[in-house]
Amino acid sequence: MSRWPPLTCAEVKRALKTLGFAPTPGRGTSHEQWERRDPQQLYKVTVDCPKAPFSLDLIDSMAKQAGTTRKGLYRAVDKRRKWHWLW
């Protein structure tokens, strides 16, 4: 069993909001786009909620799109220290 538990769609959205992302207007697909603009770069993360709970491969992909690591994404979700044993 993996050390990293799978994330739900709501947890990923909460993490992205914590990291400063905002959803872009929908285009009629199941894929949601979240954006964050920095002075030098635009970050876009694609979240496909029907695929939740997300595998580690998808979590790693979303973390890379967000400009962070898997650990950074889990930390943004874990405000109640539910997964304190991960770090």
PDB file of N, CA and C in Angstrom:
ATOM      1  N   MET A   1       0.836  -1.178   0.000  1.00  0.00           N
ATOM      2  CA  MET A   1       0.000   0.000   0.000  1.00  0.00           C
ATOM      3  C   MET A   1       0.886   1.250   0.000  1.00  0.00           C
ATOM      4  N   SER A   2       0.433   2.248  -0.697  1.00  0.00           N
ATOM      5  CA  SER A   2       1.201   3.473  -0.822  1.00  0.00           C
ATOM      6  C   SER A   2       1.140   4.303   0.453  1.00  0.00           C
ATOM      7  N   ARG A   3       2.187   5.044   0.663  1.00  0.00           N
ATOM      8  CA  ARG A   3       2.233   5.960   1.802  1.00  0.00           C
ATOM      9  C   ARG A   3       1.269   7.127   1.590  1.00  0.00           C
ATOM     10  N   TRP A   4       1.014   7.460   0.332  1.00  0.00           N
ATOM     11  CA  TRP A   4       0.181   8.615  -0.022  1.00  0.00           C
ATOM     12  C   TRP A   4      -1.243   8.165  -0.304  1.00  0.00           C
ATOM     13  N   PRO A   5      -2.224   8.616   0.466  1.00  0.00           N
ATOM     14  CA  PRO A   5      -3.618   8.226   0.201  1.00  0.00           C
ATOM     15  C   PRO A   5      -4.144   8.940  -1.041  1.00  0.00           C
ATOM     16  N   PRO A   6      -5.097   8.343  -1.751  1.00  0.00           N
ATOM     17  CA  PRO A   6      -5.672   9.013  -2.920  1.00  0.00           C
ATOM     18  C   PRO A   6      -6.447  10.257  -2.490  1.00  0.00           C
ATOM     19  N   LEU A   7      -6.497  11.240  -3.385  1.00  0.00           N
ATOM     20  CA  LEU A   7      -7.226  12.479  -3.108  1.00  0.00           C
ATOM     21  C   LEU A   7      -8.555  12.486  -3.850  1.00  0.00           C
ATOM     22  N   THR A   8      -9.568  13.063  -3.223  1.00  0.00           N
ATOM     23  CA  THR A   8     -10.859  13.234  -3.878  1.00  0.00           C
ATOM     24  C   THR A   8     -10.840  14.533  -4.671  1.00  0.00           C
ATOM     25  N   CYS A   9     -11.862  14.718  -5.470  1.00  0.00           N
ATOM     26  CA  CYS A   9     -11.971  15.938  -6.272  1.00  0.00           C
ATOM     27  C   CYS A   9     -12.075  17.173  -5.366  1.00  0.00           C
ATOM     28  N   ALA A  10     -12.874  17.077  -4.318  1.00  0.00           N
ATOM     29  CA  ALA A  10     -13.043  18.212  -3.402  1.00  0.00           C
ATOM     30  C   ALA A  10     -11.719  18.570  -2.724  1.00  0.00           C
ATOM     31  N   GLU A  11     -10.911  17.580  -2.368  1.00  0.00           N
ATOM     32  CA  GLU A  11      -9.629  17.851  -1.724  1.00  0.00           C
ATOM     33  C   GLU A  11      -8.662  18.534  -2.683  1.00  0.00           C
ATOM     34  N   VAL A  12      -8.644  18.102  -3.942  1.00  0.00           N
ATOM     35  CA  VAL A  12      -7.767  18.738  -4.927  1.00  0.00           C
ATOM     36  C   VAL A  12      -8.200  20.187  -5.157  1.00  0.00           C
ATOM     37  N   LYS A  13      -9.493  20.420  -5.276  1.00  0.00           N
ATOM     38  CA  LYS A  13      -9.990  21.789  -5.471  1.00  0.00           C
ATOM     39  C   LYS A  13      -9.641  22.670  -4.276  1.00  0.00           C
ATOM     40  N   ARG A  14      -9.770  22.130  -3.066  1.00  0.00           N
ATOM     41  CA  ARG A  14      -9.423  22.887  -1.859  1.00  0.00           C
ATOM     42  C   ARG A  14      -7.931  23.222  -1.846  1.00  0.00           C
ATOM     43  N   ALA A  15      -7.103  22.270  -2.254  1.00  0.00           N
ATOM     44  CA  ALA A  15      -5.655  22.505  -2.309  1.00  0.00           C
ATOM     45  C   ALA A  15      -5.326  23.593  -3.322  1.00  0.00           C
ATOM     46  N   LEU A  16      -5.953  23.534  -4.491  1.00  0.00           N
ATOM     47  CA  LEU A  16      -5.686  24.544  -5.518  1.00  0.00           C
ATOM     48  C   LEU A  16      -6.122  25.927  -5.052  1.00  0.00           C
ATOM     49  N   LYS A  17      -7.259  25.995  -4.382  1.00  0.00           N
ATOM     50  CA  LYS A  17      -7.723  27.283  -3.862  1.00  0.00           C
ATOM     51  C   LYS A  17      -6.744  27.822  -2.821  1.00  0.00           C
ATOM     52  N   THR A  18      -6.230  26.938  -1.966  1.00  0.00           N
ATOM     53  CA  THR A  18      -5.245  27.328  -0.958  1.00  0.00           C
ATOM     54  C   THR A  18      -3.965  27.837  -1.606  1.00  0.00           C
ATOM     55  N   LEU A  19      -3.588  27.240  -2.740  1.00  0.00           N
ATOM     56  CA  LEU A  19      -2.372  27.634  -3.447  1.00  0.00           C
ATOM     57  C   LEU A  19      -2.561  28.880  -4.312  1.00  0.00           C
ATOM     58  N   GLY A  20      -3.767  29.453  -4.323  1.00  0.00           N
ATOM     59  CA  GLY A  20      -3.999  30.699  -5.047  1.00  0.00           C
ATOM     60  C   GLY A  20      -4.594  30.536  -6.432  1.00  0.00           C
ATOM     61  N   PHE A  21      -5.092  29.359  -6.756  1.00  0.00           N
ATOM     62  CA  PHE A  21      -5.701  29.115  -8.056  1.00  0.00           C
ATOM     63  C   PHE A  21      -7.178  29.491  -8.028  1.00  0.00           C
ATOM     64  N   ALA A  22      -7.705  29.814  -9.209  1.00  0.00           N
ATOM     65  CA  ALA A  22      -9.127  30.115  -9.370  1.00  0.00           C
ATOM     66  C   ALA A  22      -9.636  29.333 -10.576  1.00  0.00           C
ATOM     67  N   PRO A  23     -10.880  28.835 -10.510  1.00  0.00           N
ATOM     68  CA  PRO A  23     -11.418  28.107 -11.664  1.00  0.00           C
ATOM     69  C   PRO A  23     -11.710  29.058 -12.818  1.00  0.00           C
ATOM     70  N   THR A  24     -11.485  28.574 -14.031  1.00  0.00           N
ATOM     71  CA  THR A  24     -11.838  29.363 -15.207  1.00  0.00           C
ATOM     72  C   THR A  24     -13.257  28.991 -15.611  1.00  0.00           C
ATOM     73  N   PRO A  25     -13.936  29.846 -16.379  1.00  0.00           N
ATOM     74  CA  PRO A  25     -15.302  29.524 -16.795  1.00  0.00           C
ATOM     75  C   PRO A  25     -15.362  28.192 -17.549  1.00  0.00           C
ATOM     76  N   GLY A  26     -16.411  27.424 -17.281  1.00  0.00           N
ATOM     77  CA  GLY A  26     -16.563  26.102 -17.872  1.00  0.00           C
ATOM     78  C   GLY A  26     -16.807  26.144 -19.363  1.00  0.00           C
ATOM     79  N   ARG A  27     -16.458  25.042 -20.020  1.00  0.00           N
ATOM     80  CA  ARG A  27     -16.638  24.949 -21.465  1.00  0.00           C
ATOM     81  C   ARG A  27     -17.476  23.727 -21.847  1.00  0.00           C
ATOM     82  N   GLY A  28     -18.225  23.181 -20.921  1.00  0.00           N
ATOM     83  CA  GLY A  28     -19.103  22.070 -21.235  1.00  0.00           C
ATOM     84  C   GLY A  28     -18.449  20.700 -21.247  1.00  0.00           C
ATOM     85  N   THR A  29     -17.268  20.568 -20.614  1.00  0.00           N
ATOM     86  CA  THR A  29     -16.619  19.264 -20.525  1.00  0.00           C
ATOM     87  C   THR A  29     -16.465  18.893 -19.050  1.00  0.00           C
ATOM     88  N   SER A  30     -16.065  17.664 -18.806  1.00  0.00           N
ATOM     89  CA  SER A  30     -15.862  17.228 -17.425  1.00  0.00           C
ATOM     90  C   SER A  30     -14.539  17.738 -16.864  1.00  0.00           C
ATOM     91  N   HIS A  31     -13.656  18.227 -17.722  1.00  0.00           N
ATOM     92  CA  HIS A  31     -12.357  18.732 -17.281  1.00  0.00           C
ATOM     93  C   HIS A  31     -12.493  20.184 -16.824  1.00  0.00           C
ATOM     94  N   GLU A  32     -12.098  20.439 -15.601  1.00  0.00           N
ATOM     95  CA  GLU A  32     -12.090  21.816 -15.084  1.00  0.00           C
ATOM     96  C   GLU A  32     -10.679  22.374 -15.197  1.00  0.00           C
ATOM     97  N   GLN A  33     -10.582  23.633 -15.552  1.00  0.00           N
ATOM     98  CA  GLN A  33      -9.292  24.315 -15.631  1.00  0.00           C
ATOM     99  C   GLN A  33      -9.181  25.286 -14.459  1.00  0.00           C
ATOM    100  N   TRP A  34      -8.059  25.260 -13.798  1.00  0.00           N
ATOM    101  CA  TRP A  34      -7.765  26.181 -12.702  1.00  0.00           C
ATOM    102  C   TRP A  34      -6.509  26.952 -13.073  1.00  0.00           C
ATOM    103  N   GLU A  35      -6.503  28.268 -12.823  1.00  0.00           N
ATOM    104  CA  GLU A  35      -5.366  29.110 -13.215  1.00  0.00           C
ATOM    105  C   GLU A  35      -4.837  29.924 -12.049  1.00  0.00           C
ATOM    106  N   ARG A  36      -3.534  30.189 -12.119  1.00  0.00           N
ATOM    107  CA  ARG A  36      -2.880  31.133 -11.214  1.00  0.00           C
ATOM    108  C   ARG A  36      -1.841  31.884 -12.041  1.00  0.00           C
ATOM    109  N   ARG A  37      -1.879  33.200 -11.936  1.00  0.00           N
ATOM    110  CA  ARG A  37      -0.925  34.024 -12.672  1.00  0.00           C
ATOM    111  C   ARG A  37       0.108  34.588 -11.704  1.00  0.00           C
ATOM    112  N   ASP A  38       1.356  34.301 -12.026  1.00  0.00           N
ATOM    113  CA  ASP A  38       2.479  34.911 -11.328  1.00  0.00           C
ATOM    114  C   ASP A  38       3.043  35.972 -12.254  1.00  0.00           C
ATOM    115  N   PRO A  39       3.874  36.875 -11.738  1.00  0.00           N
ATOM    116  CA  PRO A  39       4.427  37.915 -12.610  1.00  0.00           C
ATOM    117  C   PRO A  39       5.149  37.354 -13.842  1.00  0.00           C
ATOM    118  N   GLN A  40       5.756  36.192 -13.731  1.00  0.00           N
ATOM    119  CA  GLN A  40       6.533  35.673 -14.850  1.00  0.00           C
ATOM    120  C   GLN A  40       5.941  34.419 -15.490  1.00  0.00           C
ATOM    121  N   GLN A  41       4.888  33.856 -14.924  1.00  0.00           N
ATOM    122  CA  GLN A  41       4.386  32.593 -15.450  1.00  0.00           C
ATOM    123  C   GLN A  41       2.897  32.424 -15.186  1.00  0.00           C
ATOM    124  N   LEU A  42       2.257  31.699 -16.097  1.00  0.00           N
ATOM    125  CA  LEU A  42       0.860  31.315 -15.948  1.00  0.00           C
ATOM    126  C   LEU A  42       0.820  29.817 -15.674  1.00  0.00           C
ATOM    127  N   TYR A  43       0.171  29.429 -14.591  1.00  0.00           N
ATOM    128  CA  TYR A  43       0.019  28.013 -14.244  1.00  0.00           C
ATOM    129  C   TYR A  43      -1.414  27.607 -14.531  1.00  0.00           C
ATOM    130  N   LYS A  44      -1.599  26.485 -15.234  1.00  0.00           N
ATOM    131  CA  LYS A  44      -2.920  25.941 -15.531  1.00  0.00           C
ATOM    132  C   LYS A  44      -2.955  24.492 -15.089  1.00  0.00           C
ATOM    133  N   VAL A  45      -3.954  24.154 -14.299  1.00  0.00           N
ATOM    134  CA  VAL A  45      -4.119  22.787 -13.814  1.00  0.00           C
ATOM    135  C   VAL A  45      -5.449  22.255 -14.333  1.00  0.00           C
ATOM    136  N   THR A  46      -5.414  21.051 -14.887  1.00  0.00           N
ATOM    137  CA  THR A  46      -6.616  20.389 -15.367  1.00  0.00           C
ATOM    138  C   THR A  46      -7.053  19.364 -14.325  1.00  0.00           C
ATOM    139  N   VAL A  47      -8.317  19.467 -13.901  1.00  0.00           N
ATOM    140  CA  VAL A  47      -8.883  18.542 -12.914  1.00  0.00           C
ATOM    141  C   VAL A  47     -10.061  17.831 -13.578  1.00  0.00           C
ATOM    142  N   ASP A  48     -10.012  16.507 -13.624  1.00  0.00           N
ATOM    143  CA  ASP A  48     -11.067  15.701 -14.221  1.00  0.00           C
ATOM    144  C   ASP A  48     -11.769  14.925 -13.104  1.00  0.00           C
ATOM    145  N   CYS A  49     -12.813  15.507 -12.542  1.00  0.00           N
ATOM    146  CA  CYS A  49     -13.475  14.939 -11.362  1.00  0.00           C
ATOM    147  C   CYS A  49     -14.051  13.530 -11.559  1.00  0.00           C
ATOM    148  N   PRO A  50     -14.546  13.147 -12.740  1.00  0.00           N
ATOM    149  CA  PRO A  50     -15.020  11.758 -12.870  1.00  0.00           C
ATOM    150  C   PRO A  50     -13.928  10.713 -12.656  1.00  0.00           C
ATOM    151  N   LYS A  51     -12.662  11.097 -12.702  1.00  0.00           N
ATOM    152  CA  LYS A  51     -11.560  10.156 -12.469  1.00  0.00           C
ATOM    153  C   LYS A  51     -11.204  10.028 -10.978  1.00  0.00           C
ATOM    154  N   ALA A  52     -11.868  10.775 -10.114  1.00  0.00           N
ATOM    155  CA  ALA A  52     -11.571  10.746  -8.679  1.00  0.00           C
ATOM    156  C   ALA A  52     -12.072   9.440  -8.073  1.00  0.00           C
ATOM    157  N   PRO A  53     -11.433   8.923  -7.036  1.00  0.00           N
ATOM    158  CA  PRO A  53     -10.239   9.430  -6.364  1.00  0.00           C
ATOM    159  C   PRO A  53      -9.014   9.278  -7.268  1.00  0.00           C
ATOM    160  N   PHE A  54      -8.147  10.270  -7.210  1.00  0.00           N
ATOM    161  CA  PHE A  54      -7.044  10.377  -8.142  1.00  0.00           C
ATOM    162  C   PHE A  54      -5.879   9.472  -7.760  1.00  0.00           C
ATOM    163  N   SER A  55      -5.296   8.847  -8.772  1.00  0.00           N
ATOM    164  CA  SER A  55      -4.111   8.009  -8.567  1.00  0.00           C
ATOM    165  C   SER A  55      -2.900   8.907  -8.348  1.00  0.00           C
ATOM    166  N   LEU A  56      -1.808   8.306  -7.905  1.00  0.00           N
ATOM    167  CA  LEU A  56      -0.591   9.084  -7.677  1.00  0.00           C
ATOM    168  C   LEU A  56      -0.053   9.683  -8.968  1.00  0.00           C
ATOM    169  N   ASP A  57      -0.227   8.991 -10.090  1.00  0.00           N
ATOM    170  CA  ASP A  57       0.220   9.540 -11.370  1.00  0.00           C
ATOM    171  C   ASP A  57      -0.523  10.837 -11.705  1.00  0.00           C
ATOM    172  N   LEU A  58      -1.841  10.839 -11.508  1.00  0.00           N
ATOM    173  CA  LEU A  58      -2.614  12.050 -11.774  1.00  0.00           C
ATOM    174  C   LEU A  58      -2.298  13.152 -10.766  1.00  0.00           C
ATOM    175  N   ILE A  59      -2.095  12.776  -9.513  1.00  0.00           N
ATOM    176  CA  ILE A  59      -1.741  13.767  -8.491  1.00  0.00           C
ATOM    177  C   ILE A  59      -0.397  14.401  -8.824  1.00  0.00           C
ATOM    178  N   ASP A  60       0.569  13.582  -9.241  1.00  0.00           N
ATOM    179  CA  ASP A  60       1.878  14.119  -9.633  1.00  0.00           C
ATOM    180  C   ASP A  60       1.754  15.054 -10.830  1.00  0.00           C
ATOM    181  N   SER A  61       0.918  14.689 -11.789  1.00  0.00           N
ATOM    182  CA  SER A  61       0.721  15.517 -12.971  1.00  0.00           C
ATOM    183  C   SER A  61       0.093  16.866 -12.598  1.00  0.00           C
ATOM    184  N   MET A  62      -0.925  16.837 -11.737  1.00  0.00           N
ATOM    185  CA  MET A  62      -1.565  18.089 -11.311  1.00  0.00           C
ATOM    186  C   MET A  62      -0.603  18.942 -10.490  1.00  0.00           C
ATOM    187  N   ALA A  63       0.205  18.317  -9.646  1.00  0.00           N
ATOM    188  CA  ALA A  63       1.182  19.062  -8.850  1.00  0.00           C
ATOM    189  C   ALA A  63       2.204  19.740  -9.757  1.00  0.00           C
ATOM    190  N   LYS A  64       2.659  19.036 -10.791  1.00  0.00           N
ATOM    191  CA  LYS A  64       3.625  19.614 -11.734  1.00  0.00           C
ATOM    192  C   LYS A  64       3.011  20.788 -12.480  1.00  0.00           C
ATOM    193  N   GLN A  65       1.758  20.632 -12.912  1.00  0.00           N
ATOM    194  CA  GLN A  65       1.062  21.732 -13.594  1.00  0.00           C
ATOM    195  C   GLN A  65       0.917  22.940 -12.677  1.00  0.00           C
ATOM    196  N   ALA A  66       0.773  22.692 -11.368  1.00  0.00           N
ATOM    197  CA  ALA A  66       0.595  23.766 -10.394  1.00  0.00           C
ATOM    198  C   ALA A  66       1.925  24.387  -9.966  1.00  0.00           C
ATOM    199  N   GLY A  67       3.031  23.812 -10.412  1.00  0.00           N
ATOM    200  CA  GLY A  67       4.336  24.353 -10.045  1.00  0.00           C
ATOM    201  C   GLY A  67       4.753  23.991  -8.637  1.00  0.00           C
ATOM    202  N   THR A  68       4.276  22.862  -8.137  1.00  0.00           N
ATOM    203  CA  THR A  68       4.624  22.403  -6.797  1.00  0.00           C
ATOM    204  C   THR A  68       4.956  20.915  -6.861  1.00  0.00           C
ATOM    205  N   THR A  69       5.129  20.313  -5.706  1.00  0.00           N
ATOM    206  CA  THR A  69       5.412  18.890  -5.620  1.00  0.00           C
ATOM    207  C   THR A  69       4.192  18.161  -5.075  1.00  0.00           C
ATOM    208  N   ARG A  70       4.262  16.839  -5.091  1.00  0.00           N
ATOM    209  CA  ARG A  70       3.185  16.046  -4.493  1.00  0.00           C
ATOM    210  C   ARG A  70       3.025  16.429  -3.025  1.00  0.00           C
ATOM    211  N   LYS A  71       4.138  16.561  -2.323  1.00  0.00           N
ATOM    212  CA  LYS A  71       4.110  16.919  -0.905  1.00  0.00           C
ATOM    213  C   LYS A  71       3.465  18.294  -0.698  1.00  0.00           C
ATOM    214  N   GLY A  72       3.771  19.242  -1.585  1.00  0.00           N
ATOM    215  CA  GLY A  72       3.175  20.577  -1.494  1.00  0.00           C
ATOM    216  C   GLY A  72       1.675  20.554  -1.690  1.00  0.00           C
ATOM    217  N   LEU A  73       1.201  19.714  -2.608  1.00  0.00           N
ATOM    218  CA  LEU A  73      -0.235  19.590  -2.843  1.00  0.00           C
ATOM    219  C   LEU A  73      -0.928  18.973  -1.639  1.00  0.00           C
ATOM    220  N   TYR A  74      -0.342  17.924  -1.068  1.00  0.00           N
ATOM    221  CA  TYR A  74      -0.934  17.300   0.121  1.00  0.00           C
ATOM    222  C   TYR A  74      -0.921  18.262   1.310  1.00  0.00           C
ATOM    223  N   ARG A  75       0.138  19.035   1.445  1.00  0.00           N
ATOM    224  CA  ARG A  75       0.184  20.011   2.555  1.00  0.00           C
ATOM    225  C   ARG A  75      -0.908  21.064   2.408  1.00  0.00           C
ATOM    226  N   ALA A  76      -1.195  21.476   1.173  1.00  0.00           N
ATOM    227  CA  ALA A  76      -2.250  22.474   0.947  1.00  0.00           C
ATOM    228  C   ALA A  76      -3.626  21.913   1.302  1.00  0.00           C
ATOM    229  N   VAL A  77      -3.807  20.619   1.153  1.00  0.00           N
ATOM    230  CA  VAL A  77      -5.080  19.978   1.508  1.00  0.00           C
ATOM    231  C   VAL A  77      -5.204  19.812   3.010  1.00  0.00           C
ATOM    232  N   ASP A  78      -4.104  19.494   3.662  1.00  0.00           N
ATOM    233  CA  ASP A  78      -4.108  18.979   5.032  1.00  0.00           C
ATOM    234  C   ASP A  78      -4.046  20.076   6.094  1.00  0.00           C
ATOM    235  N   LYS A  79      -5.059  20.895   6.167  1.00  0.00           N
ATOM    236  CA  LYS A  79      -5.077  21.959   7.183  1.00  0.00           C
ATOM    237  C   LYS A  79      -5.387  21.415   8.576  1.00  0.00           C
ATOM    238  N   ARG A  80      -6.077  20.293   8.660  1.00  0.00           N
ATOM    239  CA  ARG A  80      -6.421  19.705   9.964  1.00  0.00           C
ATOM    240  C   ARG A  80      -5.401  18.669  10.408  1.00  0.00           C
ATOM    241  N   ARG A  81      -4.319  18.544   9.665  1.00  0.00           N
ATOM    242  CA  ARG A  81      -3.229  17.621   9.984  1.00  0.00           C
ATOM    243  C   ARG A  81      -3.709  16.175  10.038  1.00  0.00           C
ATOM    244  N   LYS A  82      -4.616  15.822   9.126  1.00  0.00           N
ATOM    245  CA  LYS A  82      -5.123  14.461   9.029  1.00  0.00           C
ATOM    246  C   LYS A  82      -4.007  13.501   8.620  1.00  0.00           C
ATOM    247  N   TRP A  83      -3.089  13.990   7.784  1.00  0.00           N
ATOM    248  CA  TRP A  83      -1.991  13.169   7.298  1.00  0.00           C
ATOM    249  C   TRP A  83      -0.659  13.647   7.854  1.00  0.00           C
ATOM    250  N   HIS A  84      -0.614  13.990   9.112  1.00  0.00           N
ATOM    251  CA  HIS A  84       0.603  14.523   9.730  1.00  0.00           C
ATOM    252  C   HIS A  84       1.770  13.548   9.600  1.00  0.00           C
ATOM    253  N   TRP A  85       1.501  12.278   9.485  1.00  0.00           N
ATOM    254  CA  TRP A  85       2.559  11.276   9.397  1.00  0.00           C
ATOM    255  C   TRP A  85       3.263  11.284   8.045  1.00  0.00           C
ATOM    256  N   LEU A  86       2.727  12.030   7.044  1.00  0.00           N
ATOM    257  CA  LEU A  86       3.398  12.112   5.746  1.00  0.00           C
ATOM    258  C   LEU A  86       4.654  12.977   5.795  1.00  0.00           C
ATOM    259  N   TRP A  87       4.722  13.883   6.749  1.00  0.00           N
ATOM    260  CA  TRP A  87       5.903  14.739   6.852  1.00  0.00           C
ATOM    261  C   TRP A  87       6.294  14.799   8.269  1.00  0.00           C
TER     262      TRP A  87
END
